Amino acid sequence: MSEKKWFSLEEANGLLPFVDGELKKMQALKREFEEKYMELRHKKNEYASMPSTEKDPFFVMEASLEFLQIEARGLLQSFQKTGIELKDIDMGLVDFPAVRNGEEVLLCWKQGEDGIRYYHGEQDGFAGRRPLTD
């Protein structure tokens, strides 16, 4: 495991356009996966109630889902290598490890916010976030 990366507030704010772009890719992949997965389940339910001689009519759909999973895993792994912590894909919630007043904290950003304005302790999570101005 590589050494923990610490981010200054300026550095973290500078990375937000990159983070936002990566989150949008992950969110789109997740939506596509969920749609295809539901479609596959629906078709399997239909198929179960009809006699058929086809060996595996779902192979292409299942392969497509596997490919999406591989793509998502690759995106997540490259994102994790940045040292930024992904907390929630749907909410677009990320944390940047930082040191504030000699204490280890997480600078907290939620997609849609125009900059990092909050932080919280390791154990506090999103609910415990406090404004940086305090």
C-alpha atoms as a PDB file:
ATOM      1  CA  MET A   1       0.000   0.000   0.000  1.00  0.00           C
ATOM      2  CA  SER A   2       1.372   3.379  -0.912  1.00  0.00           C
ATOM      3  CA  GLU A   3       1.773   6.176   1.607  1.00  0.00           C
ATOM      4  CA  LYS A   4      -1.371   8.161   2.398  1.00  0.00           C
ATOM      5  CA  LYS A   5      -1.785  11.276   0.300  1.00  0.00           C
ATOM      6  CA  TRP A   6      -2.727  14.523   1.987  1.00  0.00           C
ATOM      7  CA  PHE A   7      -4.466  17.312   0.084  1.00  0.00           C
ATOM      8  CA  SER A   8      -4.375  21.028   0.729  1.00  0.00           C
ATOM      9  CA  LEU A   9      -7.700  22.818   0.351  1.00  0.00           C
ATOM     10  CA  GLU A  10      -6.408  24.550  -2.813  1.00  0.00           C
ATOM     11  CA  GLU A  11      -5.216  21.261  -4.307  1.00  0.00           C
ATOM     12  CA  ALA A  12      -8.519  19.509  -3.512  1.00  0.00           C
ATOM     13  CA  ASN A  13     -10.574  22.361  -4.978  1.00  0.00           C
ATOM     14  CA  GLY A  14      -8.379  22.276  -8.091  1.00  0.00           C
ATOM     15  CA  LEU A  15      -9.199  18.592  -8.559  1.00  0.00           C
ATOM     16  CA  LEU A  16     -12.977  19.082  -8.440  1.00  0.00           C
ATOM     17  CA  PRO A  17     -13.468  19.324 -12.239  1.00  0.00           C
ATOM     18  CA  PHE A  18     -11.593  16.001 -12.634  1.00  0.00           C
ATOM     19  CA  VAL A  19     -13.548  14.407  -9.762  1.00  0.00           C
ATOM     20  CA  ASP A  20     -16.872  15.635 -11.166  1.00  0.00           C
ATOM     21  CA  GLY A  21     -16.030  14.184 -14.589  1.00  0.00           C
ATOM     22  CA  GLU A  22     -15.035  10.816 -13.119  1.00  0.00           C
ATOM     23  CA  LEU A  23     -18.185  10.716 -10.984  1.00  0.00           C
ATOM     24  CA  LYS A  24     -20.353  11.406 -14.029  1.00  0.00           C
ATOM     25  CA  LYS A  25     -18.689   8.498 -15.882  1.00  0.00           C
ATOM     26  CA  MET A  26     -19.264   6.181 -12.903  1.00  0.00           C
ATOM     27  CA  GLN A  27     -22.869   7.331 -12.473  1.00  0.00           C
ATOM     28  CA  ALA A  28     -23.602   6.746 -16.174  1.00  0.00           C
ATOM     29  CA  LEU A  29     -22.045   3.268 -16.028  1.00  0.00           C
ATOM     30  CA  LYS A  30     -24.014   2.415 -12.898  1.00  0.00           C
ATOM     31  CA  ARG A  31     -27.296   3.557 -14.499  1.00  0.00           C
ATOM     32  CA  GLU A  32     -26.550   1.607 -17.679  1.00  0.00           C
ATOM     33  CA  PHE A  33     -25.705  -1.503 -15.645  1.00  0.00           C
ATOM     34  CA  GLU A  34     -28.894  -1.233 -13.573  1.00  0.00           C
ATOM     35  CA  GLU A  35     -31.061  -0.778 -16.691  1.00  0.00           C
ATOM     36  CA  LYS A  36     -29.478  -3.740 -18.498  1.00  0.00           C
ATOM     37  CA  TYR A  37     -29.647  -5.888 -15.372  1.00  0.00           C
ATOM     38  CA  MET A  38     -33.376  -5.187 -14.937  1.00  0.00           C
ATOM     39  CA  GLU A  39     -33.980  -5.889 -18.633  1.00  0.00           C
ATOM     40  CA  LEU A  40     -32.120  -9.210 -18.322  1.00  0.00           C
ATOM     41  CA  ARG A  41     -34.136 -10.215 -15.238  1.00  0.00           C
ATOM     42  CA  HIS A  42     -37.367  -9.337 -17.038  1.00  0.00           C
ATOM     43  CA  LYS A  43     -36.376 -11.398 -20.100  1.00  0.00           C
ATOM     44  CA  LYS A  44     -35.293 -14.346 -17.933  1.00  0.00           C
ATOM     45  CA  ASN A  45     -38.678 -14.281 -16.189  1.00  0.00           C
ATOM     46  CA  GLU A  46     -40.455 -14.244 -19.564  1.00  0.00           C
ATOM     47  CA  TYR A  47     -38.204 -17.031 -20.869  1.00  0.00           C
ATOM     48  CA  ALA A  48     -38.882 -19.236 -17.840  1.00  0.00           C
ATOM     49  CA  SER A  49     -42.593 -19.324 -18.710  1.00  0.00           C
ATOM     50  CA  MET A  50     -42.074 -20.241 -22.403  1.00  0.00           C
ATOM     51  CA  PRO A  51     -40.736 -23.459 -23.889  1.00  0.00           C
ATOM     52  CA  SER A  52     -37.601 -22.894 -25.979  1.00  0.00           C
ATOM     53  CA  THR A  53     -34.855 -24.871 -27.657  1.00  0.00           C
ATOM     54  CA  GLU A  54     -32.340 -22.005 -27.560  1.00  0.00           C
ATOM     55  CA  LYS A  55     -29.276 -22.982 -25.497  1.00  0.00           C
ATOM     56  CA  ASP A  56     -28.459 -19.649 -23.852  1.00  0.00           C
ATOM     57  CA  PRO A  57     -30.395 -16.702 -25.225  1.00  0.00           C
ATOM     58  CA  PHE A  58     -28.937 -14.431 -22.514  1.00  0.00           C
ATOM     59  CA  PHE A  59     -25.244 -14.871 -23.231  1.00  0.00           C
ATOM     60  CA  VAL A  60     -24.824 -11.543 -25.066  1.00  0.00           C
ATOM     61  CA  MET A  61     -26.678  -9.578 -22.376  1.00  0.00           C
ATOM     62  CA  GLU A  62     -24.716 -11.266 -19.574  1.00  0.00           C
ATOM     63  CA  ALA A  63     -21.419 -10.622 -21.383  1.00  0.00           C
ATOM     64  CA  SER A  64     -22.407  -6.957 -21.774  1.00  0.00           C
ATOM     65  CA  LEU A  65     -23.080  -6.718 -18.019  1.00  0.00           C
ATOM     66  CA  GLU A  66     -19.718  -8.321 -17.246  1.00  0.00           C
ATOM     67  CA  PHE A  67     -17.986  -5.824 -19.531  1.00  0.00           C
ATOM     68  CA  LEU A  68     -19.708  -2.925 -17.723  1.00  0.00           C
ATOM     69  CA  GLN A  69     -18.557  -4.351 -14.373  1.00  0.00           C
ATOM     70  CA  ILE A  70     -14.962  -4.594 -15.627  1.00  0.00           C
ATOM     71  CA  GLU A  71     -15.120  -1.023 -16.945  1.00  0.00           C
ATOM     72  CA  ALA A  72     -16.543   0.233 -13.634  1.00  0.00           C
ATOM     73  CA  ARG A  73     -13.893  -1.631 -11.633  1.00  0.00           C
ATOM     74  CA  GLY A  74     -11.165  -0.037 -13.775  1.00  0.00           C
ATOM     75  CA  LEU A  75     -12.619   3.434 -13.233  1.00  0.00           C
ATOM     76  CA  LEU A  76     -12.873   2.869  -9.476  1.00  0.00           C
ATOM     77  CA  GLN A  77      -9.324   1.534  -9.218  1.00  0.00           C
ATOM     78  CA  SER A  78      -7.812   4.451 -11.115  1.00  0.00           C
ATOM     79  CA  PHE A  79      -9.874   6.866  -9.001  1.00  0.00           C
ATOM     80  CA  GLN A  80      -8.688   5.226  -5.761  1.00  0.00           C
ATOM     81  CA  LYS A  81      -5.055   5.630  -6.859  1.00  0.00           C
ATOM     82  CA  THR A  82      -5.488   9.412  -6.643  1.00  0.00           C
ATOM     83  CA  GLY A  83      -5.874   9.122  -2.855  1.00  0.00           C
ATOM     84  CA  ILE A  84      -9.333  10.701  -3.015  1.00  0.00           C
ATOM     85  CA  GLU A  85     -11.919   8.646  -1.130  1.00  0.00           C
ATOM     86  CA  LEU A  86     -15.149   7.858  -2.965  1.00  0.00           C
ATOM     87  CA  LYS A  87     -17.968   7.633  -0.426  1.00  0.00           C
ATOM     88  CA  ASP A  88     -21.160   7.515  -2.529  1.00  0.00           C
ATOM     89  CA  ILE A  89     -21.411   7.341  -6.324  1.00  0.00           C
ATOM     90  CA  ASP A  90     -25.100   8.325  -6.505  1.00  0.00           C
ATOM     91  CA  MET A  91     -24.744  11.356  -4.203  1.00  0.00           C
ATOM     92  CA  GLY A  92     -21.370  12.214  -5.758  1.00  0.00           C
ATOM     93  CA  LEU A  93     -19.757  12.280  -2.332  1.00  0.00           C
ATOM     94  CA  VAL A  94     -15.962  12.300  -1.966  1.00  0.00           C
ATOM     95  CA  ASP A  95     -13.454  13.001   0.786  1.00  0.00           C
ATOM     96  CA  PHE A  96      -9.917  14.356   0.508  1.00  0.00           C
ATOM     97  CA  PRO A  97      -7.599  13.343   3.379  1.00  0.00           C
ATOM     98  CA  ALA A  98      -6.060  16.484   4.877  1.00  0.00           C
ATOM     99  CA  VAL A  99      -4.409  17.870   7.983  1.00  0.00           C
ATOM    100  CA  ARG A 100      -6.158  20.792   9.657  1.00  0.00           C
ATOM    101  CA  ASN A 101      -4.740  22.390  12.808  1.00  0.00           C
ATOM    102  CA  GLY A 102      -2.496  19.340  13.255  1.00  0.00           C
ATOM    103  CA  GLU A 103      -5.459  16.949  13.131  1.00  0.00           C
ATOM    104  CA  GLU A 104      -6.194  14.363  10.406  1.00  0.00           C
ATOM    105  CA  VAL A 105      -9.509  15.276   8.775  1.00  0.00           C
ATOM    106  CA  LEU A 106     -11.395  14.656   5.566  1.00  0.00           C
ATOM    107  CA  LEU A 107     -12.270  17.603   3.330  1.00  0.00           C
ATOM    108  CA  CYS A 108     -15.786  16.737   2.217  1.00  0.00           C
ATOM    109  CA  TRP A 109     -17.323  17.578  -1.170  1.00  0.00           C
ATOM    110  CA  LYS A 110     -20.703  16.678  -2.602  1.00  0.00           C
ATOM    111  CA  GLN A 111     -21.334  16.874  -6.340  1.00  0.00           C
ATOM    112  CA  GLY A 112     -23.089  20.130  -7.190  1.00  0.00           C
ATOM    113  CA  GLU A 113     -21.297  22.191  -4.541  1.00  0.00           C
ATOM    114  CA  ASP A 114     -19.122  24.895  -6.129  1.00  0.00           C
ATOM    115  CA  GLY A 115     -16.173  24.178  -3.861  1.00  0.00           C
ATOM    116  CA  ILE A 116     -15.068  22.403  -0.722  1.00  0.00           C
ATOM    117  CA  ARG A 117     -16.675  24.140   2.252  1.00  0.00           C
ATOM    118  CA  TYR A 118     -16.839  21.319   4.815  1.00  0.00           C
ATOM    119  CA  TYR A 119     -14.673  18.811   6.636  1.00  0.00           C
ATOM    120  CA  HIS A 120     -15.191  16.037   9.175  1.00  0.00           C
ATOM    121  CA  GLY A 121     -13.192  13.611  11.282  1.00  0.00           C
ATOM    122  CA  GLU A 122     -12.368  10.073  10.104  1.00  0.00           C
ATOM    123  CA  GLN A 123     -15.284   8.572  12.038  1.00  0.00           C
ATOM    124  CA  ASP A 124     -17.840  11.376  11.710  1.00  0.00           C
ATOM    125  CA  GLY A 125     -18.983  10.857   8.129  1.00  0.00           C
ATOM    126  CA  PHE A 126     -21.198  13.131   6.051  1.00  0.00           C
ATOM    127  CA  ALA A 127     -23.636  13.757   8.917  1.00  0.00           C
ATOM    128  CA  GLY A 128     -20.810  15.130  11.069  1.00  0.00           C
ATOM    129  CA  ARG A 129     -19.397  17.555   8.571  1.00  0.00           C
ATOM    130  CA  ARG A 130     -18.559  21.025   9.814  1.00  0.00           C
ATOM    131  CA  PRO A 131     -17.946  24.254   7.887  1.00  0.00           C
ATOM    132  CA  LEU A 132     -14.297  25.046   7.160  1.00  0.00           C
ATOM    133  CA  THR A 133     -14.851  28.589   8.435  1.00  0.00           C
ATOM    134  CA  ASP A 134     -15.223  27.519  12.104  1.00  0.00           C
END
